């Protein structure tokens, strides 16, 4: 072949070189990339809220487990009171130490948990009174030994009811004079039991005085506030508060807010005014566990006090 004829129109087009598009370089490009991946303030706030809720749920779950364990331990103490009073005292002291070291770490959660607690009323009442009394004692700066005495006394404040007929263990407006007197004897019976257990003087005074009033209108001795111990003044206040929130008849139950309002409005003379004001400050206007209606008509559960 001596000749070659080339026709450009009939030939393939030349291949185009591959072009690689490089990302923009320099400070402006880096800033744009960071802006595209960096979360917005709203996203950061939502994530922080999610983590806080998760942490609170886990803390509440732990408190619920500890409350269940404490309930079992308290029932064990009460089972031993007659059979082995000295061992019952030792276990009550151990339970108080556990409450101080574990459950009092999350005060708001414990107050919320008290409103959700289930189980037999006597156990729930004893633990409620003990935990709130310890929280109040801590607010007043009581030392470890004083807190131990307060815890043991508040746990066992109703121990004398073991010697009272079941139907007379919870005061009722329909009681006759004789039934009221029988009910009130649980205080003296409690002191006698506490002595067999070998309780220290401070817990004994709490048991002896937890139904006395600051104005001298309580029982059994009708002493006024000046003759009541610090622990007894705390427990007398908290005992009344829990009685209003968790009465024998659930239909008469008050919210913590209603109970504190009633105590302040109608019963302030019965209690140490300093302690009554302190528990109101500690609980807040709407204590943890309260259900409230917001301004937009939604309902919410109070989980903490700020």
C-alpha atoms as a PDB file:
ATOM      1  CA  UNK A   1       0.000   0.000   0.000  1.00  0.00           C
ATOM      2  CA  UNK A   2       1.581   3.180  -1.187  1.00  0.00           C
ATOM      3  CA  UNK A   3      -1.137   5.737  -0.315  1.00  0.00           C
ATOM      4  CA  UNK A   4      -3.422   6.411   2.648  1.00  0.00           C
ATOM      5  CA  UNK A   5      -6.404   8.760   2.355  1.00  0.00           C
ATOM      6  CA  UNK A   6      -7.646  10.233   5.640  1.00  0.00           C
ATOM      7  CA  UNK A   7     -11.082  11.779   5.974  1.00  0.00           C
ATOM      8  CA  UNK A   8     -11.489  13.698   9.273  1.00  0.00           C
ATOM      9  CA  UNK A   9     -15.272  13.697   8.984  1.00  0.00           C
ATOM     10  CA  UNK A  10     -15.379   9.931   8.935  1.00  0.00           C
ATOM     11  CA  UNK A  11     -12.841   9.379  11.669  1.00  0.00           C
ATOM     12  CA  UNK A  12     -13.437   8.936  15.464  1.00  0.00           C
ATOM     13  CA  UNK A  13     -13.184  12.039  17.580  1.00  0.00           C
ATOM     14  CA  UNK A  14     -10.042  12.235  19.636  1.00  0.00           C
ATOM     15  CA  UNK A  15     -10.363  11.094  23.241  1.00  0.00           C
ATOM     16  CA  UNK A  16     -10.744  13.869  25.750  1.00  0.00           C
ATOM     17  CA  UNK A  17      -8.279  13.805  28.624  1.00  0.00           C
ATOM     18  CA  UNK A  18      -9.805  12.898  32.014  1.00  0.00           C
ATOM     19  CA  UNK A  19     -10.359  15.890  34.227  1.00  0.00           C
ATOM     20  CA  UNK A  20     -10.171  15.475  38.023  1.00  0.00           C
ATOM     21  CA  UNK A  21     -12.067  18.128  39.968  1.00  0.00           C
ATOM     22  CA  UNK A  22     -10.100  18.979  43.077  1.00  0.00           C
ATOM     23  CA  UNK A  23     -11.838  20.359  46.177  1.00  0.00           C
ATOM     24  CA  UNK A  24     -11.320  24.025  46.899  1.00  0.00           C
ATOM     25  CA  UNK A  25      -8.135  24.776  48.758  1.00  0.00           C
ATOM     26  CA  UNK A  26      -7.261  27.406  51.335  1.00  0.00           C
ATOM     27  CA  UNK A  27      -8.744  28.815  54.585  1.00  0.00           C
ATOM     28  CA  UNK A  28     -12.117  29.697  53.074  1.00  0.00           C
ATOM     29  CA  UNK A  29     -12.642  26.151  51.805  1.00  0.00           C
ATOM     30  CA  UNK A  30     -11.744  24.674  55.213  1.00  0.00           C
ATOM     31  CA  UNK A  31     -14.171  27.027  56.922  1.00  0.00           C
ATOM     32  CA  UNK A  32     -16.976  25.976  54.562  1.00  0.00           C
ATOM     33  CA  UNK A  33     -16.311  22.285  55.281  1.00  0.00           C
ATOM     34  CA  UNK A  34     -16.359  22.816  59.036  1.00  0.00           C
ATOM     35  CA  UNK A  35     -19.598  24.771  58.795  1.00  0.00           C
ATOM     36  CA  UNK A  36     -21.186  21.912  56.874  1.00  0.00           C
ATOM     37  CA  UNK A  37     -20.296  19.294  59.529  1.00  0.00           C
ATOM     38  CA  UNK A  38     -20.438  21.341  62.762  1.00  0.00           C
ATOM     39  CA  UNK A  39     -23.743  20.864  64.683  1.00  0.00           C
ATOM     40  CA  UNK A  40     -25.972  23.854  65.160  1.00  0.00           C
ATOM     41  CA  UNK A  41     -26.623  25.304  68.633  1.00  0.00           C
ATOM     42  CA  UNK A  42     -30.109  23.784  68.526  1.00  0.00           C
ATOM     43  CA  UNK A  43     -28.669  20.343  67.759  1.00  0.00           C
ATOM     44  CA  UNK A  44     -26.139  20.702  70.580  1.00  0.00           C
ATOM     45  CA  UNK A  45     -28.906  21.694  72.991  1.00  0.00           C
ATOM     46  CA  UNK A  46     -31.060  18.727  71.970  1.00  0.00           C
ATOM     47  CA  UNK A  47     -28.145  16.338  72.429  1.00  0.00           C
ATOM     48  CA  UNK A  48     -27.290  17.784  75.847  1.00  0.00           C
ATOM     49  CA  UNK A  49     -30.948  17.469  76.875  1.00  0.00           C
ATOM     50  CA  UNK A  50     -31.069  13.872  75.653  1.00  0.00           C
ATOM     51  CA  UNK A  51     -27.956  12.959  77.633  1.00  0.00           C
ATOM     52  CA  UNK A  52     -29.251  14.679  80.765  1.00  0.00           C
ATOM     53  CA  UNK A  53     -32.547  12.779  80.554  1.00  0.00           C
ATOM     54  CA  UNK A  54     -30.724   9.490  80.022  1.00  0.00           C
ATOM     55  CA  UNK A  55     -28.514  10.144  83.047  1.00  0.00           C
ATOM     56  CA  UNK A  56     -31.535  11.059  85.165  1.00  0.00           C
ATOM     57  CA  UNK A  57     -33.428   7.932  84.109  1.00  0.00           C
ATOM     58  CA  UNK A  58     -30.438   5.792  85.053  1.00  0.00           C
ATOM     59  CA  UNK A  59     -30.088   7.549  88.415  1.00  0.00           C
ATOM     60  CA  UNK A  60     -33.810   7.068  89.090  1.00  0.00           C
ATOM     61  CA  UNK A  61     -33.563   3.397  88.144  1.00  0.00           C
ATOM     62  CA  UNK A  62     -30.707   2.987  90.629  1.00  0.00           C
ATOM     63  CA  UNK A  63     -32.675   4.816  93.334  1.00  0.00           C
ATOM     64  CA  UNK A  64     -35.677   2.576  92.708  1.00  0.00           C
ATOM     65  CA  UNK A  65     -33.504  -0.511  93.125  1.00  0.00           C
ATOM     66  CA  UNK A  66     -31.982   0.882  96.326  1.00  0.00           C
ATOM     67  CA  UNK A  67     -35.429   1.802  97.658  1.00  0.00           C
ATOM     68  CA  UNK A  68     -36.572  -1.768  97.027  1.00  0.00           C
ATOM     69  CA  UNK A  69     -33.546  -3.126  98.884  1.00  0.00           C
ATOM     70  CA  UNK A  70     -34.150  -0.714 101.763  1.00  0.00           C
ATOM     71  CA  UNK A  71     -37.769  -1.876 101.987  1.00  0.00           C
ATOM     72  CA  UNK A  72     -36.660  -5.483 102.307  1.00  0.00           C
ATOM     73  CA  UNK A  73     -34.057  -4.539 104.920  1.00  0.00           C
ATOM     74  CA  UNK A  74     -36.618  -2.614 106.970  1.00  0.00           C
ATOM     75  CA  UNK A  75     -39.058  -5.522 106.957  1.00  0.00           C
ATOM     76  CA  UNK A  76     -36.208  -7.733 108.151  1.00  0.00           C
ATOM     77  CA  UNK A  77     -35.564  -5.310 111.028  1.00  0.00           C
ATOM     78  CA  UNK A  78     -39.210  -5.389 112.080  1.00  0.00           C
ATOM     79  CA  UNK A  79     -39.281  -9.184 111.925  1.00  0.00           C
ATOM     80  CA  UNK A  80     -36.354  -9.286 114.374  1.00  0.00           C
ATOM     81  CA  UNK A  81     -37.669  -6.733 116.875  1.00  0.00           C
ATOM     82  CA  UNK A  82     -39.327  -9.318 119.113  1.00  0.00           C
ATOM     83  CA  UNK A  83     -37.094 -12.318 118.415  1.00  0.00           C
ATOM     84  CA  UNK A  84     -33.693 -10.582 118.593  1.00  0.00           C
ATOM     85  CA  UNK A  85     -33.996  -6.881 119.494  1.00  0.00           C
ATOM     86  CA  UNK A  86     -30.240  -6.304 119.669  1.00  0.00           C
ATOM     87  CA  UNK A  87     -29.756  -7.664 116.163  1.00  0.00           C
ATOM     88  CA  UNK A  88     -32.710  -5.573 115.000  1.00  0.00           C
ATOM     89  CA  UNK A  89     -30.935  -2.470 116.316  1.00  0.00           C
ATOM     90  CA  UNK A  90     -27.714  -3.428 114.511  1.00  0.00           C
ATOM     91  CA  UNK A  91     -29.589  -3.913 111.233  1.00  0.00           C
ATOM     92  CA  UNK A  92     -31.445  -0.618 111.666  1.00  0.00           C
ATOM     93  CA  UNK A  93     -28.111   1.133 112.118  1.00  0.00           C
ATOM     94  CA  UNK A  94     -26.750  -0.609 109.025  1.00  0.00           C
ATOM     95  CA  UNK A  95     -29.772   0.434 106.985  1.00  0.00           C
ATOM     96  CA  UNK A  96     -29.404   4.037 108.140  1.00  0.00           C
ATOM     97  CA  UNK A  97     -25.731   4.050 107.149  1.00  0.00           C
ATOM     98  CA  UNK A  98     -26.643   2.674 103.718  1.00  0.00           C
ATOM     99  CA  UNK A  99     -29.278   5.374 103.231  1.00  0.00           C
ATOM    100  CA  UNK A 100     -26.767   8.058 104.158  1.00  0.00           C
ATOM    101  CA  UNK A 101     -24.091   6.701 101.829  1.00  0.00           C
ATOM    102  CA  UNK A 102     -26.259   5.811  98.832  1.00  0.00           C
ATOM    103  CA  UNK A 103     -29.743   7.230  98.564  1.00  0.00           C
ATOM    104  CA  UNK A 104     -29.115  10.730  99.903  1.00  0.00           C
ATOM    105  CA  UNK A 105     -26.765  11.488  96.991  1.00  0.00           C
ATOM    106  CA  UNK A 106     -29.742  12.246  94.705  1.00  0.00           C
ATOM    107  CA  UNK A 107     -32.058  14.309  96.895  1.00  0.00           C
ATOM    108  CA  UNK A 108     -34.490  15.441  94.178  1.00  0.00           C
ATOM    109  CA  UNK A 109     -34.810  11.933  92.786  1.00  0.00           C
ATOM    110  CA  UNK A 110     -35.531  10.542  96.230  1.00  0.00           C
ATOM    111  CA  UNK A 111     -38.302  13.048  96.848  1.00  0.00           C
ATOM    112  CA  UNK A 112     -39.797  12.137  93.476  1.00  0.00           C
ATOM    113  CA  UNK A 113     -39.443   8.446  94.283  1.00  0.00           C
ATOM    114  CA  UNK A 114     -41.315   8.840  97.569  1.00  0.00           C
ATOM    115  CA  UNK A 115     -44.376   9.852  95.569  1.00  0.00           C
ATOM    116  CA  UNK A 116     -44.064   6.757  93.377  1.00  0.00           C
ATOM    117  CA  UNK A 117     -43.215   4.259  96.103  1.00  0.00           C
ATOM    118  CA  UNK A 118     -45.293   1.140  96.286  1.00  0.00           C
ATOM    119  CA  UNK A 119     -45.579  -1.612  98.854  1.00  0.00           C
ATOM    120  CA  UNK A 120     -47.079  -1.973 102.315  1.00  0.00           C
ATOM    121  CA  UNK A 121     -47.934   1.335 103.931  1.00  0.00           C
ATOM    122  CA  UNK A 122     -45.983   0.828 107.165  1.00  0.00           C
ATOM    123  CA  UNK A 123     -42.730   0.156 105.331  1.00  0.00           C
ATOM    124  CA  UNK A 124     -43.255   2.985 102.844  1.00  0.00           C
ATOM    125  CA  UNK A 125     -44.127   5.423 105.650  1.00  0.00           C
ATOM    126  CA  UNK A 126     -41.051   4.502 107.697  1.00  0.00           C
ATOM    127  CA  UNK A 127     -38.714   4.942 104.719  1.00  0.00           C
ATOM    128  CA  UNK A 128     -40.406   8.143 103.558  1.00  0.00           C
ATOM    129  CA  UNK A 129     -40.117   9.712 107.001  1.00  0.00           C
ATOM    130  CA  UNK A 130     -36.527   8.538 107.370  1.00  0.00           C
ATOM    131  CA  UNK A 131     -35.317   9.797 103.981  1.00  0.00           C
ATOM    132  CA  UNK A 132     -37.011  13.198 104.180  1.00  0.00           C
ATOM    133  CA  UNK A 133     -35.848  13.619 107.791  1.00  0.00           C
ATOM    134  CA  UNK A 134     -32.268  12.882 106.742  1.00  0.00           C
ATOM    135  CA  UNK A 135     -32.501  15.340 103.851  1.00  0.00           C
ATOM    136  CA  UNK A 136     -33.785  17.975 106.259  1.00  0.00           C
ATOM    137  CA  UNK A 137     -31.101  17.104 108.802  1.00  0.00           C
ATOM    138  CA  UNK A 138     -28.465  17.506 106.116  1.00  0.00           C
ATOM    139  CA  UNK A 139     -29.919  20.918 105.229  1.00  0.00           C
ATOM    140  CA  UNK A 140     -29.384  21.922 108.875  1.00  0.00           C
ATOM    141  CA  UNK A 141     -25.776  20.737 108.775  1.00  0.00           C
ATOM    142  CA  UNK A 142     -26.074  17.846 111.231  1.00  0.00           C
ATOM    143  CA  UNK A 143     -22.923  15.779 111.687  1.00  0.00           C
ATOM    144  CA  UNK A 144     -22.566  12.089 110.861  1.00  0.00           C
ATOM    145  CA  UNK A 145     -23.355  10.855 114.389  1.00  0.00           C
ATOM    146  CA  UNK A 146     -26.406  13.126 114.643  1.00  0.00           C
ATOM    147  CA  UNK A 147     -27.580  11.940 111.226  1.00  0.00           C
ATOM    148  CA  UNK A 148     -27.220   8.312 112.313  1.00  0.00           C
ATOM    149  CA  UNK A 149     -29.322   8.974 115.426  1.00  0.00           C
ATOM    150  CA  UNK A 150     -31.895  10.831 113.330  1.00  0.00           C
ATOM    151  CA  UNK A 151     -32.033   8.002 110.798  1.00  0.00           C
ATOM    152  CA  UNK A 152     -32.468   5.225 113.351  1.00  0.00           C
ATOM    153  CA  UNK A 153     -35.070   7.181 115.330  1.00  0.00           C
ATOM    154  CA  UNK A 154     -37.087   8.110 112.240  1.00  0.00           C
ATOM    155  CA  UNK A 155     -36.982   4.546 110.888  1.00  0.00           C
ATOM    156  CA  UNK A 156     -38.307   3.166 114.173  1.00  0.00           C
ATOM    157  CA  UNK A 157     -40.576   6.035 115.240  1.00  0.00           C
ATOM    158  CA  UNK A 158     -43.683   3.810 114.909  1.00  0.00           C
ATOM    159  CA  UNK A 159     -42.133   0.581 116.206  1.00  0.00           C
ATOM    160  CA  UNK A 160     -44.642   0.577 119.092  1.00  0.00           C
ATOM    161  CA  UNK A 161     -47.467  -0.138 116.640  1.00  0.00           C
ATOM    162  CA  UNK A 162     -46.281  -3.747 116.627  1.00  0.00           C
ATOM    163  CA  UNK A 163     -47.983  -3.978 120.035  1.00  0.00           C
ATOM    164  CA  UNK A 164     -51.222  -2.274 118.922  1.00  0.00           C
ATOM    165  CA  UNK A 165     -54.197  -3.978 117.253  1.00  0.00           C
ATOM    166  CA  UNK A 166     -53.943  -3.681 113.474  1.00  0.00           C
ATOM    167  CA  UNK A 167     -57.207  -1.763 113.121  1.00  0.00           C
ATOM    168  CA  UNK A 168     -55.966   0.842 115.629  1.00  0.00           C
ATOM    169  CA  UNK A 169     -52.542   1.466 114.103  1.00  0.00           C
ATOM    170  CA  UNK A 170     -53.674   4.399 111.978  1.00  0.00           C
ATOM    171  CA  UNK A 171     -55.663   7.149 113.633  1.00  0.00           C
ATOM    172  CA  UNK A 172     -59.146   7.621 112.244  1.00  0.00           C
ATOM    173  CA  UNK A 173     -61.652  10.399 112.841  1.00  0.00           C
ATOM    174  CA  UNK A 174     -64.262   7.790 113.744  1.00  0.00           C
ATOM    175  CA  UNK A 175     -62.249   6.471 116.718  1.00  0.00           C
ATOM    176  CA  UNK A 176     -63.976   6.472 120.087  1.00  0.00           C
ATOM    177  CA  UNK A 177     -62.183   7.994 123.061  1.00  0.00           C
ATOM    178  CA  UNK A 178     -61.044   4.524 124.146  1.00  0.00           C
ATOM    179  CA  UNK A 179     -59.751   3.700 120.663  1.00  0.00           C
ATOM    180  CA  UNK A 180     -57.889   6.995 120.452  1.00  0.00           C
ATOM    181  CA  UNK A 181     -56.245   6.257 123.788  1.00  0.00           C
ATOM    182  CA  UNK A 182     -55.258   2.776 122.593  1.00  0.00           C
ATOM    183  CA  UNK A 183     -53.780   4.268 119.443  1.00  0.00           C
ATOM    184  CA  UNK A 184     -51.777   6.841 121.394  1.00  0.00           C
ATOM    185  CA  UNK A 185     -50.244   4.087 123.512  1.00  0.00           C
ATOM    186  CA  UNK A 186     -48.034   3.114 120.564  1.00  0.00           C
ATOM    187  CA  UNK A 187     -45.640   5.841 121.688  1.00  0.00           C
ATOM    188  CA  UNK A 188     -45.039   4.384 125.166  1.00  0.00           C
ATOM    189  CA  UNK A 189     -44.922   0.871 123.728  1.00  0.00           C
ATOM    190  CA  UNK A 190     -42.364   2.070 121.178  1.00  0.00           C
ATOM    191  CA  UNK A 191     -40.129   3.496 123.898  1.00  0.00           C
ATOM    192  CA  UNK A 192     -40.288   0.189 125.787  1.00  0.00           C
ATOM    193  CA  UNK A 193     -39.344  -1.777 122.658  1.00  0.00           C
ATOM    194  CA  UNK A 194     -36.532   0.662 121.849  1.00  0.00           C
ATOM    195  CA  UNK A 195     -35.092   0.167 125.323  1.00  0.00           C
ATOM    196  CA  UNK A 196     -34.957  -3.604 124.821  1.00  0.00           C
ATOM    197  CA  UNK A 197     -33.147  -2.937 121.538  1.00  0.00           C
ATOM    198  CA  UNK A 198     -30.561  -0.845 123.344  1.00  0.00           C
ATOM    199  CA  UNK A 199     -31.111   2.326 121.329  1.00  0.00           C
ATOM    200  CA  UNK A 200     -29.091   5.419 122.196  1.00  0.00           C
ATOM    201  CA  UNK A 201     -30.816   8.333 124.004  1.00  0.00           C
ATOM    202  CA  UNK A 202     -31.278  10.461 120.855  1.00  0.00           C
ATOM    203  CA  UNK A 203     -33.285   7.864 118.871  1.00  0.00           C
ATOM    204  CA  UNK A 204     -35.249   7.075 122.038  1.00  0.00           C
ATOM    205  CA  UNK A 205     -36.290  10.725 122.335  1.00  0.00           C
ATOM    206  CA  UNK A 206     -37.431  10.759 118.712  1.00  0.00           C
ATOM    207  CA  UNK A 207     -39.678   7.760 119.341  1.00  0.00           C
ATOM    208  CA  UNK A 208     -40.973   9.285 122.581  1.00  0.00           C
ATOM    209  CA  UNK A 209     -41.659  12.752 121.139  1.00  0.00           C
ATOM    210  CA  UNK A 210     -42.599  12.287 117.478  1.00  0.00           C
ATOM    211  CA  UNK A 211     -46.261  13.152 118.207  1.00  0.00           C
ATOM    212  CA  UNK A 212     -45.516  16.182 120.386  1.00  0.00           C
ATOM    213  CA  UNK A 213     -46.225  19.673 119.029  1.00  0.00           C
ATOM    214  CA  UNK A 214     -44.307  22.906 119.331  1.00  0.00           C
ATOM    215  CA  UNK A 215     -47.326  24.567 120.975  1.00  0.00           C
ATOM    216  CA  UNK A 216     -47.812  21.786 123.535  1.00  0.00           C
ATOM    217  CA  UNK A 217     -50.936  20.345 121.902  1.00  0.00           C
ATOM    218  CA  UNK A 218     -49.457  16.945 121.049  1.00  0.00           C
ATOM    219  CA  UNK A 219     -49.243  13.681 122.969  1.00  0.00           C
ATOM    220  CA  UNK A 220     -48.421  11.844 125.177  1.00  0.00           C
ATOM    221  CA  UNK A 221     -46.625  14.390 127.402  1.00  0.00           C
ATOM    222  CA  UNK A 222     -47.997  17.620 125.843  1.00  0.00           C
ATOM    223  CA  UNK A 223     -44.553  19.211 125.966  1.00  0.00           C
ATOM    224  CA  UNK A 224     -43.708  22.293 123.903  1.00  0.00           C
ATOM    225  CA  UNK A 225     -40.901  22.867 121.417  1.00  0.00           C
ATOM    226  CA  UNK A 226     -38.356  23.936 124.028  1.00  0.00           C
ATOM    227  CA  UNK A 227     -38.444  20.456 125.561  1.00  0.00           C
ATOM    228  CA  UNK A 228     -38.361  18.554 122.267  1.00  0.00           C
ATOM    229  CA  UNK A 229     -35.071  17.305 120.854  1.00  0.00           C
ATOM    230  CA  UNK A 230     -33.890  18.506 117.442  1.00  0.00           C
ATOM    231  CA  UNK A 231     -34.465  15.068 115.957  1.00  0.00           C
ATOM    232  CA  UNK A 232     -37.974  14.871 117.402  1.00  0.00           C
ATOM    233  CA  UNK A 233     -38.887  18.288 115.966  1.00  0.00           C
ATOM    234  CA  UNK A 234     -37.730  17.133 112.526  1.00  0.00           C
ATOM    235  CA  UNK A 235     -39.554  13.801 112.658  1.00  0.00           C
ATOM    236  CA  UNK A 236     -42.771  15.312 114.059  1.00  0.00           C
ATOM    237  CA  UNK A 237     -42.857  17.655 111.060  1.00  0.00           C
ATOM    238  CA  UNK A 238     -42.010  15.030 108.435  1.00  0.00           C
ATOM    239  CA  UNK A 239     -44.350  12.460 109.994  1.00  0.00           C
ATOM    240  CA  UNK A 240     -47.258  14.870 109.539  1.00  0.00           C
ATOM    241  CA  UNK A 241     -46.203  15.723 105.974  1.00  0.00           C
ATOM    242  CA  UNK A 242     -46.079  12.093 104.862  1.00  0.00           C
ATOM    243  CA  UNK A 243     -49.336  11.368 106.667  1.00  0.00           C
ATOM    244  CA  UNK A 244     -51.062  14.015 104.553  1.00  0.00           C
ATOM    245  CA  UNK A 245     -49.492  12.817 101.301  1.00  0.00           C
ATOM    246  CA  UNK A 246     -50.001   9.102 101.933  1.00  0.00           C
ATOM    247  CA  UNK A 247     -52.999   8.608 104.252  1.00  0.00           C
ATOM    248  CA  UNK A 248     -54.686   5.285 104.895  1.00  0.00           C
ATOM    249  CA  UNK A 249     -57.487   6.283 102.506  1.00  0.00           C
ATOM    250  CA  UNK A 250     -55.920   7.188  99.172  1.00  0.00           C
ATOM    251  CA  UNK A 251     -58.959   9.312  98.322  1.00  0.00           C
ATOM    252  CA  UNK A 252     -57.814  11.771 101.008  1.00  0.00           C
ATOM    253  CA  UNK A 253     -54.232  11.984  99.731  1.00  0.00           C
ATOM    254  CA  UNK A 254     -52.778  15.430  99.121  1.00  0.00           C
ATOM    255  CA  UNK A 255     -50.053  16.444  96.729  1.00  0.00           C
ATOM    256  CA  UNK A 256     -46.802  17.542  98.415  1.00  0.00           C
ATOM    257  CA  UNK A 257     -47.649  21.125  97.460  1.00  0.00           C
ATOM    258  CA  UNK A 258     -51.103  20.878  99.053  1.00  0.00           C
ATOM    259  CA  UNK A 259     -49.695  19.244 102.191  1.00  0.00           C
ATOM    260  CA  UNK A 260     -47.049  21.923 102.714  1.00  0.00           C
ATOM    261  CA  UNK A 261     -49.597  24.672 102.053  1.00  0.00           C
ATOM    262  CA  UNK A 262     -51.980  23.217 104.647  1.00  0.00           C
ATOM    263  CA  UNK A 263     -49.236  22.774 107.226  1.00  0.00           C
ATOM    264  CA  UNK A 264     -48.105  26.355 106.761  1.00  0.00           C
ATOM    265  CA  UNK A 265     -51.597  27.859 106.721  1.00  0.00           C
ATOM    266  CA  UNK A 266     -53.276  25.877 109.493  1.00  0.00           C
ATOM    267  CA  UNK A 267     -50.635  24.099 111.517  1.00  0.00           C
ATOM    268  CA  UNK A 268     -47.642  26.381 111.678  1.00  0.00           C
ATOM    269  CA  UNK A 269     -47.952  26.719 115.471  1.00  0.00           C
ATOM    270  CA  UNK A 270     -47.618  22.966 115.852  1.00  0.00           C
ATOM    271  CA  UNK A 271     -44.156  22.833 114.317  1.00  0.00           C
ATOM    272  CA  UNK A 272     -40.769  24.472 114.668  1.00  0.00           C
ATOM    273  CA  UNK A 273     -41.153  27.487 112.337  1.00  0.00           C
ATOM    274  CA  UNK A 274     -37.509  27.349 111.255  1.00  0.00           C
ATOM    275  CA  UNK A 275     -37.841  23.718 110.239  1.00  0.00           C
ATOM    276  CA  UNK A 276     -41.195  24.249 108.537  1.00  0.00           C
ATOM    277  CA  UNK A 277     -39.694  27.026 106.418  1.00  0.00           C
ATOM    278  CA  UNK A 278     -36.669  24.840 105.705  1.00  0.00           C
ATOM    279  CA  UNK A 279     -38.725  21.913 104.395  1.00  0.00           C
ATOM    280  CA  UNK A 280     -40.718  24.310 102.189  1.00  0.00           C
ATOM    281  CA  UNK A 281     -37.460  25.687 100.762  1.00  0.00           C
ATOM    282  CA  UNK A 282     -36.055  22.192 100.342  1.00  0.00           C
ATOM    283  CA  UNK A 283     -39.137  20.885  98.577  1.00  0.00           C
ATOM    284  CA  UNK A 284     -39.797  24.032  96.562  1.00  0.00           C
ATOM    285  CA  UNK A 285     -43.200  25.440  95.675  1.00  0.00           C
ATOM    286  CA  UNK A 286     -43.859  22.316  93.615  1.00  0.00           C
ATOM    287  CA  UNK A 287     -41.792  19.417  95.009  1.00  0.00           C
ATOM    288  CA  UNK A 288     -40.243  16.762  92.717  1.00  0.00           C
ATOM    289  CA  UNK A 289     -42.933  14.319  91.694  1.00  0.00           C
ATOM    290  CA  UNK A 290     -45.642  16.986  91.462  1.00  0.00           C
ATOM    291  CA  UNK A 291     -47.775  17.166  88.323  1.00  0.00           C
ATOM    292  CA  UNK A 292     -48.193  20.733  87.080  1.00  0.00           C
ATOM    293  CA  UNK A 293     -50.070  22.405  84.226  1.00  0.00           C
ATOM    294  CA  UNK A 294     -47.947  24.711  82.088  1.00  0.00           C
ATOM    295  CA  UNK A 295     -49.042  28.039  80.626  1.00  0.00           C
ATOM    296  CA  UNK A 296     -49.631  26.364  77.251  1.00  0.00           C
ATOM    297  CA  UNK A 297     -52.041  23.897  78.958  1.00  0.00           C
ATOM    298  CA  UNK A 298     -49.637  20.954  78.729  1.00  0.00           C
ATOM    299  CA  UNK A 299     -49.033  18.830  81.829  1.00  0.00           C
ATOM    300  CA  UNK A 300     -45.548  18.133  83.147  1.00  0.00           C
ATOM    301  CA  UNK A 301     -43.856  16.211  85.964  1.00  0.00           C
ATOM    302  CA  UNK A 302     -41.517  18.176  88.227  1.00  0.00           C
ATOM    303  CA  UNK A 303     -38.207  16.301  88.379  1.00  0.00           C
ATOM    304  CA  UNK A 304     -35.991  18.743  90.316  1.00  0.00           C
ATOM    305  CA  UNK A 305     -35.972  22.001  92.257  1.00  0.00           C
ATOM    306  CA  UNK A 306     -33.633  24.825  91.270  1.00  0.00           C
END
